[in-house]
């Protein structure tokens, strides 16, 4: 049976931009681009995401210091498994592998994986 497993992901992006708004926009574009590239490379089933939310995590301390932006999103993967429990375990590991392969910095998972049937 095919299940959809999702998990909230939070990561940090450090970059040099002129304002809070441009820093958030650039960080969101960077994460979206990385996720799109991963979706194209993914061979073990589809991935999808939604809810890219950006907030300034740390403002520059001096004029040429970078912004650190916190990005949150929900990542979805399709998993074939006999039970919801098995799908949750496989899906959570797969999401962690996808995020690791993306090379995001300071990753956290604010909530456990959730499962729904496709």
PDB file of N, CA and C in Angstrom:
ATOM      1  N   UNK A   1       0.838  -1.167   0.000  1.00  0.00           N
ATOM      2  CA  UNK A   1       0.000   0.000   0.000  1.00  0.00           C
ATOM      3  C   UNK A   1       0.896   1.247   0.000  1.00  0.00           C
ATOM      4  N   UNK A   2       0.465   2.253  -0.743  1.00  0.00           N
ATOM      5  CA  UNK A   2       1.242   3.489  -0.824  1.00  0.00           C
ATOM      6  C   UNK A   2       0.746   4.489   0.226  1.00  0.00           C
ATOM      7  N   UNK A   3       1.695   5.065   0.940  1.00  0.00           N
ATOM      8  CA  UNK A   3       1.402   6.054   1.977  1.00  0.00           C
ATOM      9  C   UNK A   3       2.175   7.335   1.652  1.00  0.00           C
ATOM     10  N   UNK A   4       1.637   8.447   2.134  1.00  0.00           N
ATOM     11  CA  UNK A   4       2.339   9.723   2.053  1.00  0.00           C
ATOM     12  C   UNK A   4       2.825  10.039   3.468  1.00  0.00           C
ATOM     13  N   UNK A   5       4.129  10.229   3.589  1.00  0.00           N
ATOM     14  CA  UNK A   5       4.732  10.571   4.873  1.00  0.00           C
ATOM     15  C   UNK A   5       5.207  12.015   4.783  1.00  0.00           C
ATOM     16  N   UNK A   6       4.902  12.798   5.791  1.00  0.00           N
ATOM     17  CA  UNK A   6       5.344  14.193   5.801  1.00  0.00           C
ATOM     18  C   UNK A   6       5.997  14.515   7.136  1.00  0.00           C
ATOM     19  N   UNK A   7       6.862  15.509   7.067  1.00  0.00           N
ATOM     20  CA  UNK A   7       7.557  15.935   8.280  1.00  0.00           C
ATOM     21  C   UNK A   7       7.958  17.389   8.134  1.00  0.00           C
ATOM     22  N   UNK A   8       7.805  18.143   9.211  1.00  0.00           N
ATOM     23  CA  UNK A   8       8.248  19.532   9.200  1.00  0.00           C
ATOM     24  C   UNK A   8       9.765  19.566   9.341  1.00  0.00           C
ATOM     25  N   UNK A   9      10.385  20.422   8.525  1.00  0.00           N
ATOM     26  CA  UNK A   9      11.833  20.576   8.523  1.00  0.00           C
ATOM     27  C   UNK A   9      12.139  22.045   8.780  1.00  0.00           C
ATOM     28  N   UNK A  10      13.152  22.290   9.573  1.00  0.00           N
ATOM     29  CA  UNK A  10      13.610  23.661   9.825  1.00  0.00           C
ATOM     30  C   UNK A  10      15.100  23.691   9.578  1.00  0.00           C
ATOM     31  N   UNK A  11      15.553  24.690   8.800  1.00  0.00           N
ATOM     32  CA  UNK A  11      16.970  24.821   8.485  1.00  0.00           C
ATOM     33  C   UNK A  11      17.365  26.288   8.487  1.00  0.00           C
ATOM     34  N   UNK A  12      18.645  26.529   8.552  1.00  0.00           N
ATOM     35  CA  UNK A  12      19.162  27.896   8.539  1.00  0.00           C
ATOM     36  C   UNK A  12      19.909  28.163   7.238  1.00  0.00           C
ATOM     37  N   UNK A  13      19.779  29.389   6.743  1.00  0.00           N
ATOM     38  CA  UNK A  13      20.504  29.840   5.557  1.00  0.00           C
ATOM     39  C   UNK A  13      21.231  31.111   5.941  1.00  0.00           C
ATOM     40  N   UNK A  14      22.520  31.150   5.668  1.00  0.00           N
ATOM     41  CA  UNK A  14      23.329  32.334   5.956  1.00  0.00           C
ATOM     42  C   UNK A  14      23.704  32.984   4.633  1.00  0.00           C
ATOM     43  N   UNK A  15      23.408  34.300   4.513  1.00  0.00           N
ATOM     44  CA  UNK A  15      23.700  35.001   3.273  1.00  0.00           C
ATOM     45  C   UNK A  15      23.831  36.496   3.504  1.00  0.00           C
ATOM     46  N   UNK A  16      24.430  37.164   2.532  1.00  0.00           N
ATOM     47  CA  UNK A  16      24.598  38.616   2.577  1.00  0.00           C
ATOM     48  C   UNK A  16      23.527  39.251   1.694  1.00  0.00           C
ATOM     49  N   UNK A  17      22.670  40.035   2.285  1.00  0.00           N
ATOM     50  CA  UNK A  17      21.631  40.752   1.553  1.00  0.00           C
ATOM     51  C   UNK A  17      21.465  42.120   2.189  1.00  0.00           C
ATOM     52  N   UNK A  18      20.736  42.985   1.500  1.00  0.00           N
ATOM     53  CA  UNK A  18      20.608  44.360   1.950  1.00  0.00           C
ATOM     54  C   UNK A  18      19.567  44.619   3.016  1.00  0.00           C
ATOM     55  N   UNK A  19      18.461  43.868   2.989  1.00  0.00           N
ATOM     56  CA  UNK A  19      17.375  44.111   3.941  1.00  0.00           C
ATOM     57  C   UNK A  19      16.806  42.782   4.435  1.00  0.00           C
ATOM     58  N   UNK A  20      15.988  42.875   5.476  1.00  0.00           N
ATOM     59  CA  UNK A  20      15.306  41.679   5.986  1.00  0.00           C
ATOM     60  C   UNK A  20      14.494  41.001   4.879  1.00  0.00           C
ATOM     61  N   UNK A  21      13.772  41.806   4.116  1.00  0.00           N
ATOM     62  CA  UNK A  21      12.902  41.260   3.073  1.00  0.00           C
ATOM     63  C   UNK A  21      13.700  40.558   1.982  1.00  0.00           C
ATOM     64  N   UNK A  22      14.748  41.205   1.488  1.00  0.00           N
ATOM     65  CA  UNK A  22      15.536  40.562   0.427  1.00  0.00           C
ATOM     66  C   UNK A  22      16.258  39.333   0.961  1.00  0.00           C
ATOM     67  N   UNK A  23      16.672  39.346   2.205  1.00  0.00           N
ATOM     68  CA  UNK A  23      17.329  38.175   2.796  1.00  0.00           C
ATOM     69  C   UNK A  23      16.350  37.006   2.888  1.00  0.00           C
ATOM     70  N   UNK A  24      15.124  37.263   3.370  1.00  0.00           N
ATOM     71  CA  UNK A  24      14.117  36.204   3.449  1.00  0.00           C
ATOM     72  C   UNK A  24      13.766  35.665   2.065  1.00  0.00           C
ATOM     73  N   UNK A  25      13.598  36.580   1.092  1.00  0.00           N
ATOM     74  CA  UNK A  25      13.257  36.153  -0.272  1.00  0.00           C
ATOM     75  C   UNK A  25      14.372  35.316  -0.887  1.00  0.00           C
ATOM     76  N   UNK A  26      15.603  35.732  -0.727  1.00  0.00           N
ATOM     77  CA  UNK A  26      16.737  34.993  -1.297  1.00  0.00           C
ATOM     78  C   UNK A  26      16.890  33.626  -0.632  1.00  0.00           C
ATOM     79  N   UNK A  27      16.720  33.571   0.684  1.00  0.00           N
ATOM     80  CA  UNK A  27      16.822  32.295   1.396  1.00  0.00           C
ATOM     81  C   UNK A  27      15.715  31.333   0.951  1.00  0.00           C
ATOM     82  N   UNK A  28      14.500  31.842   0.796  1.00  0.00           N
ATOM     83  CA  UNK A  28      13.382  31.020   0.334  1.00  0.00           C
ATOM     84  C   UNK A  28      13.652  30.492  -1.072  1.00  0.00           C
ATOM     85  N   UNK A  29      14.157  31.368  -1.959  1.00  0.00           N
ATOM     86  CA  UNK A  29      14.487  30.938  -3.329  1.00  0.00           C
ATOM     87  C   UNK A  29      15.575  29.870  -3.323  1.00  0.00           C
ATOM     88  N   UNK A  30      16.565  30.019  -2.452  1.00  0.00           N
ATOM     89  CA  UNK A  30      17.662  29.047  -2.368  1.00  0.00           C
ATOM     90  C   UNK A  30      17.152  27.665  -1.947  1.00  0.00           C
ATOM     91  N   UNK A  31      16.309  27.634  -0.917  1.00  0.00           N
ATOM     92  CA  UNK A  31      15.774  26.359  -0.436  1.00  0.00           C
ATOM     93  C   UNK A  31      14.842  25.746  -1.484  1.00  0.00           C
ATOM     94  N   UNK A  32      13.977  26.559  -2.084  1.00  0.00           N
ATOM     95  CA  UNK A  32      13.070  26.046  -3.119  1.00  0.00           C
ATOM     96  C   UNK A  32      13.859  25.470  -4.292  1.00  0.00           C
ATOM     97  N   UNK A  33      14.921  26.143  -4.701  1.00  0.00           N
ATOM     98  CA  UNK A  33      15.755  25.631  -5.794  1.00  0.00           C
ATOM     99  C   UNK A  33      16.404  24.306  -5.441  1.00  0.00           C
ATOM    100  N   UNK A  34      16.890  24.186  -4.221  1.00  0.00           N
ATOM    101  CA  UNK A  34      17.509  22.928  -3.782  1.00  0.00           C
ATOM    102  C   UNK A  34      16.482  21.805  -3.759  1.00  0.00           C
ATOM    103  N   UNK A  35      15.274  22.088  -3.271  1.00  0.00           N
ATOM    104  CA  UNK A  35      14.228  21.069  -3.217  1.00  0.00           C
ATOM    105  C   UNK A  35      13.777  20.660  -4.623  1.00  0.00           C
ATOM    106  N   UNK A  36      13.685  21.619  -5.538  1.00  0.00           N
ATOM    107  CA  UNK A  36      13.321  21.294  -6.919  1.00  0.00           C
ATOM    108  C   UNK A  36      14.374  20.391  -7.560  1.00  0.00           C
ATOM    109  N   UNK A  37      15.647  20.689  -7.325  1.00  0.00           N
ATOM    110  CA  UNK A  37      16.729  19.860  -7.868  1.00  0.00           C
ATOM    111  C   UNK A  37      16.665  18.451  -7.300  1.00  0.00           C
ATOM    112  N   UNK A  38      16.419  18.333  -6.009  1.00  0.00           N
ATOM    113  CA  UNK A  38      16.312  17.012  -5.385  1.00  0.00           C
ATOM    114  C   UNK A  38      15.127  16.229  -5.932  1.00  0.00           C
ATOM    115  N   UNK A  39      14.023  16.905  -6.159  1.00  0.00           N
ATOM    116  CA  UNK A  39      12.833  16.231  -6.691  1.00  0.00           C
ATOM    117  C   UNK A  39      13.126  15.663  -8.075  1.00  0.00           C
ATOM    118  N   UNK A  40      13.912  16.378  -8.874  1.00  0.00           N
ATOM    119  CA  UNK A  40      14.270  15.899 -10.206  1.00  0.00           C
ATOM    120  C   UNK A  40      15.201  14.700 -10.138  1.00  0.00           C
ATOM    121  N   UNK A  41      16.056  14.647  -9.121  1.00  0.00           N
ATOM    122  CA  UNK A  41      17.028  13.571  -8.986  1.00  0.00           C
ATOM    123  C   UNK A  41      16.468  12.346  -8.268  1.00  0.00           C
ATOM    124  N   UNK A  42      15.384  12.519  -7.551  1.00  0.00           N
ATOM    125  CA  UNK A  42      14.815  11.446  -6.735  1.00  0.00           C
ATOM    126  C   UNK A  42      14.323  10.306  -7.616  1.00  0.00           C
ATOM    127  N   UNK A  43      14.837   9.106  -7.371  1.00  0.00           N
ATOM    128  CA  UNK A  43      14.473   7.954  -8.203  1.00  0.00           C
ATOM    129  C   UNK A  43      13.623   6.930  -7.456  1.00  0.00           C
ATOM    130  N   UNK A  44      13.475   7.076  -6.163  1.00  0.00           N
ATOM    131  CA  UNK A  44      12.743   6.067  -5.381  1.00  0.00           C
ATOM    132  C   UNK A  44      11.319   6.504  -5.066  1.00  0.00           C
ATOM    133  N   UNK A  45      10.783   7.431  -5.819  1.00  0.00           N
ATOM    134  CA  UNK A  45       9.426   7.909  -5.575  1.00  0.00           C
ATOM    135  C   UNK A  45       9.436   9.415  -5.424  1.00  0.00           C
ATOM    136  N   UNK A  46       8.283  10.007  -5.576  1.00  0.00           N
ATOM    137  CA  UNK A  46       8.188  11.450  -5.578  1.00  0.00           C
ATOM    138  C   UNK A  46       8.403  12.096  -4.231  1.00  0.00           C
ATOM    139  N   UNK A  47       8.881  13.323  -4.293  1.00  0.00           N
ATOM    140  CA  UNK A  47       8.929  14.166  -3.106  1.00  0.00           C
ATOM    141  C   UNK A  47       8.211  15.465  -3.447  1.00  0.00           C
ATOM    142  N   UNK A  48       7.698  16.112  -2.435  1.00  0.00           N
ATOM    143  CA  UNK A  48       7.020  17.383  -2.613  1.00  0.00           C
ATOM    144  C   UNK A  48       7.189  18.164  -1.315  1.00  0.00           C
ATOM    145  N   UNK A  49       6.893  19.424  -1.347  1.00  0.00           N
ATOM    146  CA  UNK A  49       6.993  20.252  -0.150  1.00  0.00           C
ATOM    147  C   UNK A  49       5.977  21.371  -0.256  1.00  0.00           C
ATOM    148  N   UNK A  50       5.698  21.978   0.877  1.00  0.00           N
ATOM    149  CA  UNK A  50       4.868  23.177   0.877  1.00  0.00           C
ATOM    150  C   UNK A  50       5.181  24.013   2.100  1.00  0.00           C
ATOM    151  N   UNK A  51       4.631  25.214   2.111  1.00  0.00           N
ATOM    152  CA  UNK A  51       4.720  26.074   3.274  1.00  0.00           C
ATOM    153  C   UNK A  51       6.085  26.639   3.579  1.00  0.00           C
ATOM    154  N   UNK A  52       6.855  27.032   2.540  1.00  0.00           N
ATOM    155  CA  UNK A  52       8.146  27.657   2.822  1.00  0.00           C
ATOM    156  C   UNK A  52       7.903  28.937   3.609  1.00  0.00           C
ATOM    157  N   UNK A  53       8.369  28.968   4.840  1.00  0.00           N
ATOM    158  CA  UNK A  53       8.177  30.109   5.715  1.00  0.00           C
ATOM    159  C   UNK A  53       9.551  30.585   6.175  1.00  0.00           C
ATOM    160  N   UNK A  54       9.835  31.862   5.998  1.00  0.00           N
ATOM    161  CA  UNK A  54      11.156  32.401   6.340  1.00  0.00           C
ATOM    162  C   UNK A  54      11.031  33.503   7.385  1.00  0.00           C
ATOM    163  N   UNK A  55      11.971  33.482   8.320  1.00  0.00           N
ATOM    164  CA  UNK A  55      12.051  34.551   9.312  1.00  0.00           C
ATOM    165  C   UNK A  55      13.523  34.823   9.612  1.00  0.00           C
ATOM    166  N   UNK A  56      13.806  36.062   9.960  1.00  0.00           N
ATOM    167  CA  UNK A  56      15.186  36.407  10.304  1.00  0.00           C
ATOM    168  C   UNK A  56      15.516  35.760  11.637  1.00  0.00           C
ATOM    169  N   UNK A  57      16.525  34.921  11.632  1.00  0.00           N
ATOM    170  CA  UNK A  57      16.968  34.227  12.838  1.00  0.00           C
ATOM    171  C   UNK A  57      18.006  35.074  13.566  1.00  0.00           C
ATOM    172  N   UNK A  58      18.896  35.679  12.772  1.00  0.00           N
ATOM    173  CA  UNK A  58      19.948  36.513  13.348  1.00  0.00           C
ATOM    174  C   UNK A  58      20.272  37.647  12.385  1.00  0.00           C
ATOM    175  N   UNK A  59      20.117  38.880  12.868  1.00  0.00           N
ATOM    176  CA  UNK A  59      20.454  40.046  12.054  1.00  0.00           C
ATOM    177  C   UNK A  59      21.975  40.235  12.001  1.00  0.00           C
ATOM    178  N   UNK A  60      22.449  40.926  10.972  1.00  0.00           N
ATOM    179  CA  UNK A  60      23.892  41.220  10.914  1.00  0.00           C
ATOM    180  C   UNK A  60      24.309  42.057  12.124  1.00  0.00           C
ATOM    181  N   UNK A  61      25.473  41.749  12.679  1.00  0.00           N
ATOM    182  CA  UNK A  61      25.983  42.505  13.830  1.00  0.00           C
ATOM    183  C   UNK A  61      26.755  43.737  13.386  1.00  0.00           C
ATOM    184  N   UNK A  62      27.219  43.729  12.149  1.00  0.00           N
ATOM    185  CA  UNK A  62      27.977  44.842  11.588  1.00  0.00           C
ATOM    186  C   UNK A  62      27.542  45.013  10.131  1.00  0.00           C
ATOM    187  N   UNK A  63      27.913  46.125   9.500  1.00  0.00           N
ATOM    188  CA  UNK A  63      27.427  46.406   8.142  1.00  0.00           C
ATOM    189  C   UNK A  63      27.685  45.313   7.097  1.00  0.00           C
ATOM    190  N   UNK A  64      28.758  44.574   7.176  1.00  0.00           N
ATOM    191  CA  UNK A  64      29.051  43.570   6.146  1.00  0.00           C
ATOM    192  C   UNK A  64      28.886  42.133   6.650  1.00  0.00           C
ATOM    193  N   UNK A  65      28.273  41.969   7.796  1.00  0.00           N
ATOM    194  CA  UNK A  65      27.997  40.631   8.318  1.00  0.00           C
ATOM    195  C   UNK A  65      26.763  40.037   7.616  1.00  0.00           C
ATOM    196  N   UNK A  66      26.654  38.721   7.616  1.00  0.00           N
ATOM    197  CA  UNK A  66      25.516  38.087   6.933  1.00  0.00           C
ATOM    198  C   UNK A  66      24.264  38.018   7.808  1.00  0.00           C
ATOM    199  N   UNK A  67      23.161  37.802   7.148  1.00  0.00           N
ATOM    200  CA  UNK A  67      21.907  37.459   7.812  1.00  0.00           C
ATOM    201  C   UNK A  67      21.887  35.950   7.992  1.00  0.00           C
ATOM    202  N   UNK A  68      21.244  35.487   9.045  1.00  0.00           N
ATOM    203  CA  UNK A  68      20.914  34.070   9.173  1.00  0.00           C
ATOM    204  C   UNK A  68      19.394  33.996   9.173  1.00  0.00           C
ATOM    205  N   UNK A  69      18.873  33.246   8.209  1.00  0.00           N
ATOM    206  CA  UNK A  69      17.430  33.126   8.019  1.00  0.00           C
ATOM    207  C   UNK A  69      16.999  31.709   8.378  1.00  0.00           C
ATOM    208  N   UNK A  70      15.949  31.591   9.171  1.00  0.00           N
ATOM    209  CA  UNK A  70      15.367  30.285   9.496  1.00  0.00           C
ATOM    210  C   UNK A  70      14.249  30.003   8.500  1.00  0.00           C
ATOM    211  N   UNK A  71      14.319  28.840   7.852  1.00  0.00           N
ATOM    212  CA  UNK A  71      13.312  28.424   6.874  1.00  0.00           C
ATOM    213  C   UNK A  71      12.620  27.174   7.403  1.00  0.00           C
ATOM    214  N   UNK A  72      11.307  27.184   7.382  1.00  0.00           N
ATOM    215  CA  UNK A  72      10.512  26.012   7.765  1.00  0.00           C
ATOM    216  C   UNK A  72       9.670  25.597   6.576  1.00  0.00           C
ATOM    217  N   UNK A  73       9.524  24.286   6.404  1.00  0.00           N
ATOM    218  CA  UNK A  73       8.663  23.760   5.352  1.00  0.00           C
ATOM    219  C   UNK A  73       8.269  22.340   5.718  1.00  0.00           C
ATOM    220  N   UNK A  74       7.278  21.827   5.037  1.00  0.00           N
ATOM    221  CA  UNK A  74       6.841  20.445   5.235  1.00  0.00           C
ATOM    222  C   UNK A  74       7.235  19.667   4.000  1.00  0.00           C
ATOM    223  N   UNK A  75       7.960  18.563   4.207  1.00  0.00           N
ATOM    224  CA  UNK A  75       8.440  17.708   3.128  1.00  0.00           C
ATOM    225  C   UNK A  75       7.590  16.454   3.087  1.00  0.00           C
ATOM    226  N   UNK A  76       7.161  16.059   1.886  1.00  0.00           N
ATOM    227  CA  UNK A  76       6.300  14.893   1.671  1.00  0.00           C
ATOM    228  C   UNK A  76       7.021  13.869   0.804  1.00  0.00           C
ATOM    229  N   UNK A  77       6.926  12.594   1.170  1.00  0.00           N
ATOM    230  CA  UNK A  77       7.475  11.508   0.354  1.00  0.00           C
ATOM    231  C   UNK A  77       6.421  10.415   0.233  1.00  0.00           C
ATOM    232  N   UNK A  78       6.498   9.715  -0.883  1.00  0.00           N
ATOM    233  CA  UNK A  78       5.615   8.585  -1.131  1.00  0.00           C
ATOM    234  C   UNK A  78       6.352   7.309  -0.741  1.00  0.00           C
ATOM    235  N   UNK A  79       5.685   6.453   0.051  1.00  0.00           N
ATOM    236  CA  UNK A  79       6.320   5.247   0.570  1.00  0.00           C
ATOM    237  C   UNK A  79       5.387   4.052   0.378  1.00  0.00           C
ATOM    238  N   UNK A  80       5.924   2.962  -0.154  1.00  0.00           N
ATOM    239  CA  UNK A  80       5.176   1.700  -0.223  1.00  0.00           C
ATOM    240  C   UNK A  80       5.513   0.895   1.021  1.00  0.00           C
ATOM    241  N   UNK A  81       4.491   0.589   1.820  1.00  0.00           N
ATOM    242  CA  UNK A  81       4.700  -0.179   3.052  1.00  0.00           C
ATOM    243  C   UNK A  81       3.416  -0.906   3.417  1.00  0.00           C
ATOM    244  N   UNK A  82       3.571  -1.970   4.185  1.00  0.00           N
ATOM    245  CA  UNK A  82       2.425  -2.792   4.599  1.00  0.00           C
ATOM    246  C   UNK A  82       1.564  -2.128   5.667  1.00  0.00           C
ATOM    247  N   UNK A  83       2.183  -1.278   6.489  1.00  0.00           N
ATOM    248  CA  UNK A  83       1.434  -0.649   7.580  1.00  0.00           C
ATOM    249  C   UNK A  83       1.832   0.816   7.705  1.00  0.00           C
ATOM    250  N   UNK A  84       0.998   1.572   8.428  1.00  0.00           N
ATOM    251  CA  UNK A  84       1.317   2.978   8.678  1.00  0.00           C
ATOM    252  C   UNK A  84       2.600   3.111   9.495  1.00  0.00           C
ATOM    253  N   UNK A  85       2.780   2.234  10.451  1.00  0.00           N
ATOM    254  CA  UNK A  85       3.984   2.261  11.307  1.00  0.00           C
ATOM    255  C   UNK A  85       5.243   2.065  10.467  1.00  0.00           C
ATOM    256  N   UNK A  86       5.218   1.084   9.571  1.00  0.00           N
ATOM    257  CA  UNK A  86       6.371   0.839   8.698  1.00  0.00           C
ATOM    258  C   UNK A  86       6.591   2.022   7.764  1.00  0.00           C
ATOM    259  N   UNK A  87       5.503   2.581   7.247  1.00  0.00           N
ATOM    260  CA  UNK A  87       5.615   3.746   6.357  1.00  0.00           C
ATOM    261  C   UNK A  87       6.221   4.931   7.095  1.00  0.00           C
ATOM    262  N   UNK A  88       5.815   5.120   8.341  1.00  0.00           N
ATOM    263  CA  UNK A  88       6.350   6.226   9.142  1.00  0.00           C
ATOM    264  C   UNK A  88       7.859   6.087   9.323  1.00  0.00           C
ATOM    265  N   UNK A  89       8.317   4.896   9.664  1.00  0.00           N
ATOM    266  CA  UNK A  89       9.749   4.666   9.876  1.00  0.00           C
ATOM    267  C   UNK A  89      10.548   4.869   8.591  1.00  0.00           C
ATOM    268  N   UNK A  90      10.071   4.253   7.499  1.00  0.00           N
ATOM    269  CA  UNK A  90      10.774   4.364   6.215  1.00  0.00           C
ATOM    270  C   UNK A  90      10.743   5.810   5.725  1.00  0.00           C
ATOM    271  N   UNK A  91       9.574   6.433   5.809  1.00  0.00           N
ATOM    272  CA  UNK A  91       9.424   7.812   5.342  1.00  0.00           C
ATOM    273  C   UNK A  91      10.274   8.798   6.116  1.00  0.00           C
ATOM    274  N   UNK A  92      10.317   8.660   7.438  1.00  0.00           N
ATOM    275  CA  UNK A  92      11.126   9.555   8.262  1.00  0.00           C
ATOM    276  C   UNK A  92      12.604   9.428   7.913  1.00  0.00           C
ATOM    277  N   UNK A  93      13.076   8.188   7.726  1.00  0.00           N
ATOM    278  CA  UNK A  93      14.483   7.986   7.329  1.00  0.00           C
ATOM    279  C   UNK A  93      14.748   8.578   5.945  1.00  0.00           C
ATOM    280  N   UNK A  94      13.797   8.383   5.037  1.00  0.00           N
ATOM    281  CA  UNK A  94      13.973   8.901   3.684  1.00  0.00           C
ATOM    282  C   UNK A  94      14.008  10.429   3.679  1.00  0.00           C
ATOM    283  N   UNK A  95      13.155  11.059   4.461  1.00  0.00           N
ATOM    284  CA  UNK A  95      13.150  12.520   4.563  1.00  0.00           C
ATOM    285  C   UNK A  95      14.488  12.998   5.121  1.00  0.00           C
ATOM    286  N   UNK A  96      14.991  12.341   6.156  1.00  0.00           N
ATOM    287  CA  UNK A  96      16.286  12.723   6.722  1.00  0.00           C
ATOM    288  C   UNK A  96      17.402  12.580   5.689  1.00  0.00           C
ATOM    289  N   UNK A  97      17.362  11.529   4.883  1.00  0.00           N
ATOM    290  CA  UNK A  97      18.372  11.323   3.844  1.00  0.00           C
ATOM    291  C   UNK A  97      18.277  12.407   2.780  1.00  0.00           C
ATOM    292  N   UNK A  98      17.067  12.745   2.368  1.00  0.00           N
ATOM    293  CA  UNK A  98      16.871  13.788   1.361  1.00  0.00           C
ATOM    294  C   UNK A  98      17.420  15.117   1.862  1.00  0.00           C
ATOM    295  N   UNK A  99      17.092  15.463   3.095  1.00  0.00           N
ATOM    296  CA  UNK A  99      17.559  16.724   3.671  1.00  0.00           C
ATOM    297  C   UNK A  99      19.084  16.718   3.815  1.00  0.00           C
ATOM    298  N   UNK A 100      19.639  15.587   4.233  1.00  0.00           N
ATOM    299  CA  UNK A 100      21.092  15.466   4.352  1.00  0.00           C
ATOM    300  C   UNK A 100      21.761  15.657   2.988  1.00  0.00           C
ATOM    301  N   UNK A 101      21.204  15.042   1.944  1.00  0.00           N
ATOM    302  CA  UNK A 101      21.759  15.172   0.595  1.00  0.00           C
ATOM    303  C   UNK A 101      21.647  16.585   0.048  1.00  0.00           C
ATOM    304  N   UNK A 102      20.687  17.344   0.561  1.00  0.00           N
ATOM    305  CA  UNK A 102      20.523  18.733   0.130  1.00  0.00           C
ATOM    306  C   UNK A 102      21.620  19.630   0.692  1.00  0.00           C
ATOM    307  N   UNK A 103      22.273  19.182   1.762  1.00  0.00           N
ATOM    308  CA  UNK A 103      23.357  19.968   2.352  1.00  0.00           C
ATOM    309  C   UNK A 103      22.886  21.166   3.156  1.00  0.00           C
ATOM    310  N   UNK A 104      21.647  21.129   3.644  1.00  0.00           N
ATOM    311  CA  UNK A 104      21.150  22.231   4.457  1.00  0.00           C
ATOM    312  C   UNK A 104      21.932  22.310   5.759  1.00  0.00           C
ATOM    313  N   UNK A 105      22.051  23.518   6.316  1.00  0.00           N
ATOM    314  CA  UNK A 105      22.780  23.671   7.564  1.00  0.00           C
ATOM    315  C   UNK A 105      21.820  23.720   8.759  1.00  0.00           C
ATOM    316  N   UNK A 106      22.287  23.258   9.879  1.00  0.00           N
ATOM    317  CA  UNK A 106      21.538  23.306  11.144  1.00  0.00           C
ATOM    318  C   UNK A 106      20.092  22.851  10.990  1.00  0.00           C
ATOM    319  N   UNK A 107      19.890  21.618  10.629  1.00  0.00           N
ATOM    320  CA  UNK A 107      18.559  21.068  10.395  1.00  0.00           C
ATOM    321  C   UNK A 107      17.952  20.553  11.693  1.00  0.00           C
ATOM    322  N   UNK A 108      16.661  20.823  11.862  1.00  0.00           N
ATOM    323  CA  UNK A 108      15.918  20.235  12.980  1.00  0.00           C
ATOM    324  C   UNK A 108      14.554  19.803  12.456  1.00  0.00           C
ATOM    325  N   UNK A 109      13.936  18.908  13.199  1.00  0.00           N
ATOM    326  CA  UNK A 109      12.613  18.388  12.858  1.00  0.00           C
ATOM    327  C   UNK A 109      11.698  18.688  14.042  1.00  0.00           C
ATOM    328  N   UNK A 110      10.943  19.795  13.985  1.00  0.00           N
ATOM    329  CA  UNK A 110      10.124  20.223  15.121  1.00  0.00           C
ATOM    330  C   UNK A 110       9.006  19.268  15.515  1.00  0.00           C
ATOM    331  N   UNK A 111       8.607  18.385  14.609  1.00  0.00           N
ATOM    332  CA  UNK A 111       7.528  17.455  14.938  1.00  0.00           C
ATOM    333  C   UNK A 111       7.813  16.095  14.304  1.00  0.00           C
ATOM    334  N   UNK A 112       7.201  15.053  14.822  1.00  0.00           N
ATOM    335  CA  UNK A 112       7.416  13.722  14.245  1.00  0.00           C
ATOM    336  C   UNK A 112       6.756  13.602  12.874  1.00  0.00           C
ATOM    337  N   UNK A 113       7.144  12.577  12.138  1.00  0.00           N
ATOM    338  CA  UNK A 113       6.567  12.306  10.828  1.00  0.00           C
ATOM    339  C   UNK A 113       5.093  11.920  10.987  1.00  0.00           C
ATOM    340  N   UNK A 114       4.285  12.281   9.999  1.00  0.00           N
ATOM    341  CA  UNK A 114       2.884  11.887   9.976  1.00  0.00           C
ATOM    342  C   UNK A 114       2.619  11.101   8.695  1.00  0.00           C
ATOM    343  N   UNK A 115       1.635  10.199   8.757  1.00  0.00           N
ATOM    344  CA  UNK A 115       1.349   9.296   7.648  1.00  0.00           C
ATOM    345  C   UNK A 115      -0.108   9.427   7.236  1.00  0.00           C
ATOM    346  N   UNK A 116      -0.323   9.407   5.923  1.00  0.00           N
ATOM    347  CA  UNK A 116      -1.682   9.325   5.389  1.00  0.00           C
ATOM    348  C   UNK A 116      -1.645   8.395   4.181  1.00  0.00           C
ATOM    349  N   UNK A 117      -2.773   7.810   3.851  1.00  0.00           N
ATOM    350  CA  UNK A 117      -2.829   6.931   2.683  1.00  0.00           C
ATOM    351  C   UNK A 117      -2.966   7.772   1.432  1.00  0.00           C
ATOM    352  N   UNK A 118      -2.365   7.293   0.351  1.00  0.00           N
ATOM    353  CA  UNK A 118      -2.423   8.015  -0.919  1.00  0.00           C
ATOM    354  C   UNK A 118      -3.756   7.804  -1.587  1.00  0.00           C
TER     355      UNK A 118
END
